[in-house]
Every structure is written in C-alpha cells, then in structure tokens.
Amino acid sequence: MIIKPNYNDYTEMEFVEFLKEIYRANAEEPDEVLDPLLEHFAAVTEHPSGTDLIYWPENDDQGELEAVLSIIKSWRAANGKPGFKDS
C-alpha cells in the first residue's frame, strides 16, 4: 500500500484499501505501526472528528469502514474540499 500526500491523490478504491489497512493494523499490529496510519488518516481527511470517526462514532453502525468512508465523502463535499482522484 502506498501512502499518498493528499486525499485527492487517492482513488476511492485506494482509500478503501488504506482504511482496510488501518482496521487490520488496529487488530494485529503494535501502536508503532498503527499510529502513523491514524495520523495520516486525520491529516488527509481533514474531518474535524479525525480518528473519532473510527473509534468513537456518533452511532454504533458509523464506525464500520463503509460508514466512515461515506461520512468523509459527504463532509468533504459539503465543505468544498476536493474528492477522490478519478480511477
């Protein structure tokens, strides 16, 4: 998996793979591996809730990968932020 500098450098599929890596690392890796992924997630998404989208979602079903992706996409569109790169 390649870490890209900006959200709009990812295609949607690449970002889904990045999210899957976060969820995998959360279950299987030490903090030394997980923390940089979470920091990158917060930086590139620019969402004010940051990693709370994953760990402290507003509703129980919102912490799932698909829900996190949907929330980020909606928030970025509503706030005039660029979306994913075309595939």
PDB file of N, CA and C in Angstrom:
ATOM      1  N   MET A   1       0.837  -1.172   0.000  1.00  0.00           N
ATOM      2  CA  MET A   1       0.000   0.000   0.000  1.00  0.00           C
ATOM      3  C   MET A   1       0.887   1.242   0.000  1.00  0.00           C
ATOM      4  N   ILE A   2       0.541   2.185  -0.848  1.00  0.00           N
ATOM      5  CA  ILE A   2       1.300   3.426  -0.955  1.00  0.00           C
ATOM      6  C   ILE A   2       0.531   4.531  -0.241  1.00  0.00           C
ATOM      7  N   ILE A   3       1.215   5.208   0.680  1.00  0.00           N
ATOM      8  CA  ILE A   3       0.633   6.351   1.373  1.00  0.00           C
ATOM      9  C   ILE A   3       0.803   7.570   0.468  1.00  0.00           C
ATOM     10  N   LYS A   4      -0.281   8.265   0.220  1.00  0.00           N
ATOM     11  CA  LYS A   4      -0.246   9.427  -0.677  1.00  0.00           C
ATOM     12  C   LYS A   4      -0.379  10.706   0.150  1.00  0.00           C
ATOM     13  N   PRO A   5       0.183  11.803  -0.338  1.00  0.00           N
ATOM     14  CA  PRO A   5       0.230  13.016   0.480  1.00  0.00           C
ATOM     15  C   PRO A   5      -1.110  13.707   0.712  1.00  0.00           C
ATOM     16  N   ASN A   6      -2.057  13.545  -0.196  1.00  0.00           N
ATOM     17  CA  ASN A   6      -3.336  14.247  -0.093  1.00  0.00           C
ATOM     18  C   ASN A   6      -4.502  13.308  -0.377  1.00  0.00           C
ATOM     19  N   TYR A   7      -5.649  13.647   0.190  1.00  0.00           N
ATOM     20  CA  TYR A   7      -6.869  12.875  -0.029  1.00  0.00           C
ATOM     21  C   TYR A   7      -7.172  12.738  -1.516  1.00  0.00           C
ATOM     22  N   ASN A   8      -7.067  13.845  -2.251  1.00  0.00           N
ATOM     23  CA  ASN A   8      -7.424  13.819  -3.665  1.00  0.00           C
ATOM     24  C   ASN A   8      -6.353  13.167  -4.541  1.00  0.00           C
ATOM     25  N   ASP A   9      -5.285  12.653  -3.941  1.00  0.00           N
ATOM     26  CA  ASP A   9      -4.311  11.836  -4.672  1.00  0.00           C
ATOM     27  C   ASP A   9      -4.743  10.367  -4.710  1.00  0.00           C
ATOM     28  N   TYR A  10      -5.709  10.006  -3.865  1.00  0.00           N
ATOM     29  CA  TYR A  10      -6.223   8.634  -3.800  1.00  0.00           C
ATOM     30  C   TYR A  10      -7.410   8.469  -4.742  1.00  0.00           C
ATOM     31  N   THR A  11      -7.508   7.294  -5.364  1.00  0.00           N
ATOM     32  CA  THR A  11      -8.785   6.910  -5.951  1.00  0.00           C
ATOM     33  C   THR A  11      -9.628   6.394  -4.789  1.00  0.00           C
ATOM     34  N   GLU A  12     -10.914   6.246  -4.991  1.00  0.00           N
ATOM     35  CA  GLU A  12     -11.752   5.731  -3.907  1.00  0.00           C
ATOM     36  C   GLU A  12     -11.308   4.326  -3.501  1.00  0.00           C
ATOM     37  N   MET A  13     -10.973   3.496  -4.470  1.00  0.00           N
ATOM     38  CA  MET A  13     -10.530   2.128  -4.156  1.00  0.00           C
ATOM     39  C   MET A  13      -9.227   2.136  -3.356  1.00  0.00           C
ATOM     40  N   GLU A  14      -8.302   3.026  -3.698  1.00  0.00           N
ATOM     41  CA  GLU A  14      -7.045   3.120  -2.953  1.00  0.00           C
ATOM     42  C   GLU A  14      -7.302   3.560  -1.519  1.00  0.00           C
ATOM     43  N   PHE A  15      -8.237   4.485  -1.330  1.00  0.00           N
ATOM     44  CA  PHE A  15      -8.543   4.943   0.020  1.00  0.00           C
ATOM     45  C   PHE A  15      -9.237   3.848   0.821  1.00  0.00           C
ATOM     46  N   VAL A  16     -10.084   3.073   0.180  1.00  0.00           N
ATOM     47  CA  VAL A  16     -10.708   1.926   0.856  1.00  0.00           C
ATOM     48  C   VAL A  16      -9.620   0.960   1.322  1.00  0.00           C
ATOM     49  N   GLU A  17      -8.629   0.712   0.486  1.00  0.00           N
ATOM     50  CA  GLU A  17      -7.514  -0.164   0.879  1.00  0.00           C
ATOM     51  C   GLU A  17      -6.751   0.427   2.056  1.00  0.00           C
ATOM     52  N   PHE A  18      -6.562   1.737   2.060  1.00  0.00           N
ATOM     53  CA  PHE A  18      -5.910   2.411   3.179  1.00  0.00           C
ATOM     54  C   PHE A  18      -6.734   2.225   4.457  1.00  0.00           C
ATOM     55  N   LEU A  19      -8.052   2.407   4.374  1.00  0.00           N
ATOM     56  CA  LEU A  19      -8.909   2.188   5.542  1.00  0.00           C
ATOM     57  C   LEU A  19      -8.836   0.742   6.022  1.00  0.00           C
ATOM     58  N   LYS A  20      -8.835  -0.195   5.094  1.00  0.00           N
ATOM     59  CA  LYS A  20      -8.721  -1.611   5.473  1.00  0.00           C
ATOM     60  C   LYS A  20      -7.416  -1.859   6.217  1.00  0.00           C
ATOM     61  N   GLU A  21      -6.350  -1.200   5.782  1.00  0.00           N
ATOM     62  CA  GLU A  21      -5.056  -1.351   6.453  1.00  0.00           C
ATOM     63  C   GLU A  21      -5.123  -0.801   7.874  1.00  0.00           C
ATOM     64  N   ILE A  22      -5.819   0.297   8.076  1.00  0.00           N
ATOM     65  CA  ILE A  22      -5.992   0.830   9.432  1.00  0.00           C
ATOM     66  C   ILE A  22      -6.731  -0.179  10.304  1.00  0.00           C
ATOM     67  N   TYR A  23      -7.831  -0.717   9.812  1.00  0.00           N
ATOM     68  CA  TYR A  23      -8.614  -1.676  10.590  1.00  0.00           C
ATOM     69  C   TYR A  23      -7.801  -2.943  10.868  1.00  0.00           C
ATOM     70  N   ARG A  24      -7.011  -3.397   9.888  1.00  0.00           N
ATOM     71  CA  ARG A  24      -6.161  -4.569  10.083  1.00  0.00           C
ATOM     72  C   ARG A  24      -5.084  -4.270  11.124  1.00  0.00           C
ATOM     73  N   ALA A  25      -4.416  -3.139  10.983  1.00  0.00           N
ATOM     74  CA  ALA A  25      -3.347  -2.774  11.911  1.00  0.00           C
ATOM     75  C   ALA A  25      -3.891  -2.592  13.322  1.00  0.00           C
ATOM     76  N   ASN A  26      -5.101  -2.085  13.431  1.00  0.00           N
ATOM     77  CA  ASN A  26      -5.718  -1.911  14.744  1.00  0.00           C
ATOM     78  C   ASN A  26      -5.876  -3.251  15.457  1.00  0.00           C
ATOM     79  N   ALA A  27      -6.173  -4.280  14.705  1.00  0.00           N
ATOM     80  CA  ALA A  27      -6.390  -5.607  15.288  1.00  0.00           C
ATOM     81  C   ALA A  27      -5.103  -6.402  15.469  1.00  0.00           C
ATOM     82  N   GLU A  28      -4.091  -6.142  14.618  1.00  0.00           N
ATOM     83  CA  GLU A  28      -2.945  -7.050  14.562  1.00  0.00           C
ATOM     84  C   GLU A  28      -1.578  -6.438  14.834  1.00  0.00           C
ATOM     85  N   GLU A  29      -1.460  -5.130  14.838  1.00  0.00           N
ATOM     86  CA  GLU A  29      -0.140  -4.504  14.903  1.00  0.00           C
ATOM     87  C   GLU A  29       0.027  -3.670  16.171  1.00  0.00           C
ATOM     88  N   PRO A  30       1.275  -3.435  16.560  1.00  0.00           N
ATOM     89  CA  PRO A  30       1.524  -2.551  17.710  1.00  0.00           C
ATOM     90  C   PRO A  30       1.261  -1.091  17.332  1.00  0.00           C
ATOM     91  N   ASP A  31       1.193  -0.252  18.344  1.00  0.00           N
ATOM     92  CA  ASP A  31       0.920   1.168  18.121  1.00  0.00           C
ATOM     93  C   ASP A  31       1.940   1.829  17.205  1.00  0.00           C
ATOM     94  N   GLU A  32       3.163   1.335  17.191  1.00  0.00           N
ATOM     95  CA  GLU A  32       4.206   1.922  16.347  1.00  0.00           C
ATOM     96  C   GLU A  32       3.841   1.821  14.861  1.00  0.00           C
ATOM     97  N   VAL A  33       3.043   0.838  14.509  1.00  0.00           N
ATOM     98  CA  VAL A  33       2.581   0.666  13.128  1.00  0.00           C
ATOM     99  C   VAL A  33       1.265   1.421  12.920  1.00  0.00           C
ATOM    100  N   LEU A  34       0.369   1.323  13.885  1.00  0.00           N
ATOM    101  CA  LEU A  34      -0.961   1.921  13.762  1.00  0.00           C
ATOM    102  C   LEU A  34      -0.941   3.446  13.835  1.00  0.00           C
ATOM    103  N   ASP A  35      -0.182   4.002  14.756  1.00  0.00           N
ATOM    104  CA  ASP A  35      -0.220   5.450  14.984  1.00  0.00           C
ATOM    105  C   ASP A  35       0.071   6.288  13.740  1.00  0.00           C
ATOM    106  N   PRO A  36       1.107   5.972  12.954  1.00  0.00           N
ATOM    107  CA  PRO A  36       1.331   6.777  11.746  1.00  0.00           C
ATOM    108  C   PRO A  36       0.178   6.687  10.739  1.00  0.00           C
ATOM    109  N   LEU A  37      -0.474   5.542  10.677  1.00  0.00           N
ATOM    110  CA  LEU A  37      -1.631   5.397   9.785  1.00  0.00           C
ATOM    111  C   LEU A  37      -2.778   6.296  10.241  1.00  0.00           C
ATOM    112  N   LEU A  38      -3.015   6.324  11.547  1.00  0.00           N
ATOM    113  CA  LEU A  38      -4.086   7.156  12.086  1.00  0.00           C
ATOM    114  C   LEU A  38      -3.778   8.642  11.915  1.00  0.00           C
ATOM    115  N   GLU A  39      -2.522   9.009  12.115  1.00  0.00           N
ATOM    116  CA  GLU A  39      -2.129  10.406  11.924  1.00  0.00           C
ATOM    117  C   GLU A  39      -2.339  10.822  10.468  1.00  0.00           C
ATOM    118  N   HIS A  40      -1.983   9.940   9.550  1.00  0.00           N
ATOM    119  CA  HIS A  40      -2.174  10.236   8.132  1.00  0.00           C
ATOM    120  C   HIS A  40      -3.664  10.341   7.803  1.00  0.00           C
ATOM    121  N   PHE A  41      -4.463   9.440   8.342  1.00  0.00           N
ATOM    122  CA  PHE A  41      -5.912   9.478   8.139  1.00  0.00           C
ATOM    123  C   PHE A  41      -6.474  10.834   8.561  1.00  0.00           C
ATOM    124  N   ALA A  42      -6.132  11.277   9.761  1.00  0.00           N
ATOM    125  CA  ALA A  42      -6.642  12.552  10.268  1.00  0.00           C
ATOM    126  C   ALA A  42      -6.174  13.714   9.397  1.00  0.00           C
ATOM    127  N   ALA A  43      -4.925  13.673   8.969  1.00  0.00           N
ATOM    128  CA  ALA A  43      -4.370  14.768   8.169  1.00  0.00           C
ATOM    129  C   ALA A  43      -5.012  14.851   6.789  1.00  0.00           C
ATOM    130  N   VAL A  44      -5.129  13.727   6.098  1.00  0.00           N
ATOM    131  CA  VAL A  44      -5.629  13.791   4.717  1.00  0.00           C
ATOM    132  C   VAL A  44      -7.139  13.961   4.634  1.00  0.00           C
ATOM    133  N   THR A  45      -7.885  13.419   5.583  1.00  0.00           N
ATOM    134  CA  THR A  45      -9.341  13.579   5.511  1.00  0.00           C
ATOM    135  C   THR A  45      -9.760  14.987   5.918  1.00  0.00           C
ATOM    136  N   GLU A  46      -9.015  15.595   6.834  1.00  0.00           N
ATOM    137  CA  GLU A  46      -9.304  16.937   7.350  1.00  0.00           C
ATOM    138  C   GLU A  46     -10.631  17.007   8.100  1.00  0.00           C
ATOM    139  N   HIS A  47     -11.249  15.868   8.352  1.00  0.00           N
ATOM    140  CA  HIS A  47     -12.533  15.859   9.056  1.00  0.00           C
ATOM    141  C   HIS A  47     -12.306  16.289  10.504  1.00  0.00           C
ATOM    142  N   PRO A  48     -13.162  17.167  11.038  1.00  0.00           N
ATOM    143  CA  PRO A  48     -12.952  17.655  12.406  1.00  0.00           C
ATOM    144  C   PRO A  48     -12.993  16.562  13.476  1.00  0.00           C
ATOM    145  N   SER A  49     -13.654  15.464  13.207  1.00  0.00           N
ATOM    146  CA  SER A  49     -13.704  14.368  14.183  1.00  0.00           C
ATOM    147  C   SER A  49     -12.477  13.473  14.116  1.00  0.00           C
ATOM    148  N   GLY A  50     -11.709  13.574  13.047  1.00  0.00           N
ATOM    149  CA  GLY A  50     -10.478  12.788  12.923  1.00  0.00           C
ATOM    150  C   GLY A  50     -10.717  11.307  13.143  1.00  0.00           C
ATOM    151  N   THR A  51      -9.878  10.710  13.975  1.00  0.00           N
ATOM    152  CA  THR A  51      -9.968   9.269  14.218  1.00  0.00           C
ATOM    153  C   THR A  51     -11.171   8.881  15.075  1.00  0.00           C
ATOM    154  N   ASP A  52     -11.870   9.862  15.658  1.00  0.00           N
ATOM    155  CA  ASP A  52     -13.103   9.541  16.383  1.00  0.00           C
ATOM    156  C   ASP A  52     -14.132   8.905  15.452  1.00  0.00           C
ATOM    157  N   LEU A  53     -14.027   9.176  14.154  1.00  0.00           N
ATOM    158  CA  LEU A  53     -14.931   8.528  13.194  1.00  0.00           C
ATOM    159  C   LEU A  53     -14.811   7.012  13.268  1.00  0.00           C
ATOM    160  N   ILE A  54     -13.615   6.536  13.588  1.00  0.00           N
ATOM    161  CA  ILE A  54     -13.356   5.101  13.679  1.00  0.00           C
ATOM    162  C   ILE A  54     -13.608   4.598  15.096  1.00  0.00           C
ATOM    163  N   TYR A  55     -13.060   5.300  16.089  1.00  0.00           N
ATOM    164  CA  TYR A  55     -13.068   4.799  17.463  1.00  0.00           C
ATOM    165  C   TYR A  55     -14.246   5.259  18.310  1.00  0.00           C
ATOM    166  N   TRP A  56     -14.804   6.414  18.037  1.00  0.00           N
ATOM    167  CA  TRP A  56     -15.903   6.954  18.832  1.00  0.00           C
ATOM    168  C   TRP A  56     -16.998   7.504  17.917  1.00  0.00           C
ATOM    169  N   PRO A  57     -17.579   6.667  17.063  1.00  0.00           N
ATOM    170  CA  PRO A  57     -18.615   7.155  16.142  1.00  0.00           C
ATOM    171  C   PRO A  57     -19.858   7.610  16.903  1.00  0.00           C
ATOM    172  N   GLU A  58     -20.604   8.517  16.278  1.00  0.00           N
ATOM    173  CA  GLU A  58     -21.826   9.026  16.905  1.00  0.00           C
ATOM    174  C   GLU A  58     -22.866   7.931  17.105  1.00  0.00           C
ATOM    175  N   ASN A  59     -22.962   6.993  16.159  1.00  0.00           N
ATOM    176  CA  ASN A  59     -23.886   5.860  16.254  1.00  0.00           C
ATOM    177  C   ASN A  59     -23.086   4.576  16.118  1.00  0.00           C
ATOM    178  N   ASP A  60     -23.594   3.494  16.662  1.00  0.00           N
ATOM    179  CA  ASP A  60     -22.869   2.224  16.655  1.00  0.00           C
ATOM    180  C   ASP A  60     -22.469   1.760  15.263  1.00  0.00           C
ATOM    181  N   ASP A  61     -23.325   1.971  14.275  1.00  0.00           N
ATOM    182  CA  ASP A  61     -23.033   1.470  12.929  1.00  0.00           C
ATOM    183  C   ASP A  61     -22.100   2.391  12.143  1.00  0.00           C
ATOM    184  N   GLN A  62     -21.790   3.571  12.656  1.00  0.00           N
ATOM    185  CA  GLN A  62     -20.974   4.522  11.911  1.00  0.00           C
ATOM    186  C   GLN A  62     -19.479   4.235  11.977  1.00  0.00           C
ATOM    187  N   GLY A  63     -19.038   3.329  12.818  1.00  0.00           N
ATOM    188  CA  GLY A  63     -17.620   3.003  12.902  1.00  0.00           C
ATOM    189  C   GLY A  63     -17.171   1.992  11.865  1.00  0.00           C
ATOM    190  N   GLU A  64     -18.121   1.457  11.119  1.00  0.00           N
ATOM    191  CA  GLU A  64     -17.783   0.496  10.074  1.00  0.00           C
ATOM    192  C   GLU A  64     -17.121   1.215   8.905  1.00  0.00           C
ATOM    193  N   LEU A  65     -16.265   0.509   8.187  1.00  0.00           N
ATOM    194  CA  LEU A  65     -15.489   1.089   7.103  1.00  0.00           C
ATOM    195  C   LEU A  65     -16.360   1.852   6.105  1.00  0.00           C
ATOM    196  N   GLU A  66     -17.434   1.250   5.643  1.00  0.00           N
ATOM    197  CA  GLU A  66     -18.284   1.877   4.634  1.00  0.00           C
ATOM    198  C   GLU A  66     -18.915   3.162   5.164  1.00  0.00           C
ATOM    199  N   ALA A  67     -19.315   3.150   6.428  1.00  0.00           N
ATOM    200  CA  ALA A  67     -19.922   4.337   7.030  1.00  0.00           C
ATOM    201  C   ALA A  67     -18.894   5.450   7.186  1.00  0.00           C
ATOM    202  N   VAL A  68     -17.689   5.109   7.618  1.00  0.00           N
ATOM    203  CA  VAL A  68     -16.619   6.098   7.758  1.00  0.00           C
ATOM    204  C   VAL A  68     -16.340   6.742   6.406  1.00  0.00           C
ATOM    205  N   LEU A  69     -16.238   5.933   5.376  1.00  0.00           N
ATOM    206  CA  LEU A  69     -15.987   6.445   4.030  1.00  0.00           C
ATOM    207  C   LEU A  69     -17.107   7.392   3.593  1.00  0.00           C
ATOM    208  N   SER A  70     -18.334   7.009   3.810  1.00  0.00           N
ATOM    209  CA  SER A  70     -19.478   7.830   3.422  1.00  0.00           C
ATOM    210  C   SER A  70     -19.489   9.164   4.169  1.00  0.00           C
ATOM    211  N   ILE A  71     -19.205   9.135   5.453  1.00  0.00           N
ATOM    212  CA  ILE A  71     -19.175  10.358   6.262  1.00  0.00           C
ATOM    213  C   ILE A  71     -18.096  11.304   5.755  1.00  0.00           C
ATOM    214  N   ILE A  72     -16.922  10.774   5.482  1.00  0.00           N
ATOM    215  CA  ILE A  72     -15.816  11.603   4.998  1.00  0.00           C
ATOM    216  C   ILE A  72     -16.169  12.221   3.648  1.00  0.00           C
ATOM    217  N   LYS A  73     -16.669  11.408   2.735  1.00  0.00           N
ATOM    218  CA  LYS A  73     -17.017  11.917   1.400  1.00  0.00           C
ATOM    219  C   LYS A  73     -18.078  13.014   1.492  1.00  0.00           C
ATOM    220  N   SER A  74     -19.099  12.796   2.288  1.00  0.00           N
ATOM    221  CA  SER A  74     -20.174  13.780   2.435  1.00  0.00           C
ATOM    222  C   SER A  74     -19.659  15.072   3.056  1.00  0.00           C
ATOM    223  N   TRP A  75     -18.865  14.943   4.105  1.00  0.00           N
ATOM    224  CA  TRP A  75     -18.337  16.128   4.775  1.00  0.00           C
ATOM    225  C   TRP A  75     -17.432  16.929   3.842  1.00  0.00           C
ATOM    226  N   ARG A  76     -16.566  16.244   3.120  1.00  0.00           N
ATOM    227  CA  ARG A  76     -15.655  16.950   2.207  1.00  0.00           C
ATOM    228  C   ARG A  76     -16.441  17.673   1.115  1.00  0.00           C
ATOM    229  N   ALA A  77     -17.450  17.032   0.558  1.00  0.00           N
ATOM    230  CA  ALA A  77     -18.266  17.669  -0.482  1.00  0.00           C
ATOM    231  C   ALA A  77     -19.002  18.889   0.081  1.00  0.00           C
ATOM    232  N   ALA A  78     -19.562  18.757   1.279  1.00  0.00           N
ATOM    233  CA  ALA A  78     -20.314  19.850   1.893  1.00  0.00           C
ATOM    234  C   ALA A  78     -19.422  21.034   2.260  1.00  0.00           C
ATOM    235  N   ASN A  79     -18.133  20.777   2.427  1.00  0.00           N
ATOM    236  CA  ASN A  79     -17.202  21.826   2.831  1.00  0.00           C
ATOM    237  C   ASN A  79     -16.278  22.278   1.708  1.00  0.00           C
ATOM    238  N   GLY A  80     -16.635  21.939   0.474  1.00  0.00           N
ATOM    239  CA  GLY A  80     -15.884  22.401  -0.684  1.00  0.00           C
ATOM    240  C   GLY A  80     -14.488  21.826  -0.819  1.00  0.00           C
ATOM    241  N   LYS A  81     -14.258  20.672  -0.216  1.00  0.00           N
ATOM    242  CA  LYS A  81     -12.952  20.010  -0.301  1.00  0.00           C
ATOM    243  C   LYS A  81     -12.938  19.098  -1.528  1.00  0.00           C
ATOM    244  N   PRO A  82     -11.766  18.906  -2.137  1.00  0.00           N
ATOM    245  CA  PRO A  82     -11.704  18.015  -3.301  1.00  0.00           C
ATOM    246  C   PRO A  82     -12.014  16.566  -2.929  1.00  0.00           C
ATOM    247  N   GLY A  83     -12.548  15.844  -3.901  1.00  0.00           N
ATOM    248  CA  GLY A  83     -12.867  14.433  -3.715  1.00  0.00           C
ATOM    249  C   GLY A  83     -11.734  13.548  -4.183  1.00  0.00           C
ATOM    250  N   PHE A  84     -12.082  12.304  -4.443  1.00  0.00           N
ATOM    251  CA  PHE A  84     -11.089  11.332  -4.890  1.00  0.00           C
ATOM    252  C   PHE A  84     -10.654  11.599  -6.321  1.00  0.00           C
ATOM    253  N   LYS A  85      -9.452  11.162  -6.608  1.00  0.00           N
ATOM    254  CA  LYS A  85      -8.931  11.196  -7.972  1.00  0.00           C
ATOM    255  C   LYS A  85      -9.727  10.188  -8.798  1.00  0.00           C
ATOM    256  N   ASP A  86      -9.955  10.501 -10.058  1.00  0.00           N
ATOM    257  CA  ASP A  86     -10.626   9.549 -10.946  1.00  0.00           C
ATOM    258  C   ASP A  86      -9.748   8.323 -11.136  1.00  0.00           C
ATOM    259  N   SER A  87     -10.394   7.150 -11.249  1.00  0.00           N
ATOM    260  CA  SER A  87      -9.613   5.923 -11.437  1.00  0.00           C
ATOM    261  C   SER A  87      -9.207   5.728 -12.861  1.00  0.00           C
TER     262      SER A  87
END
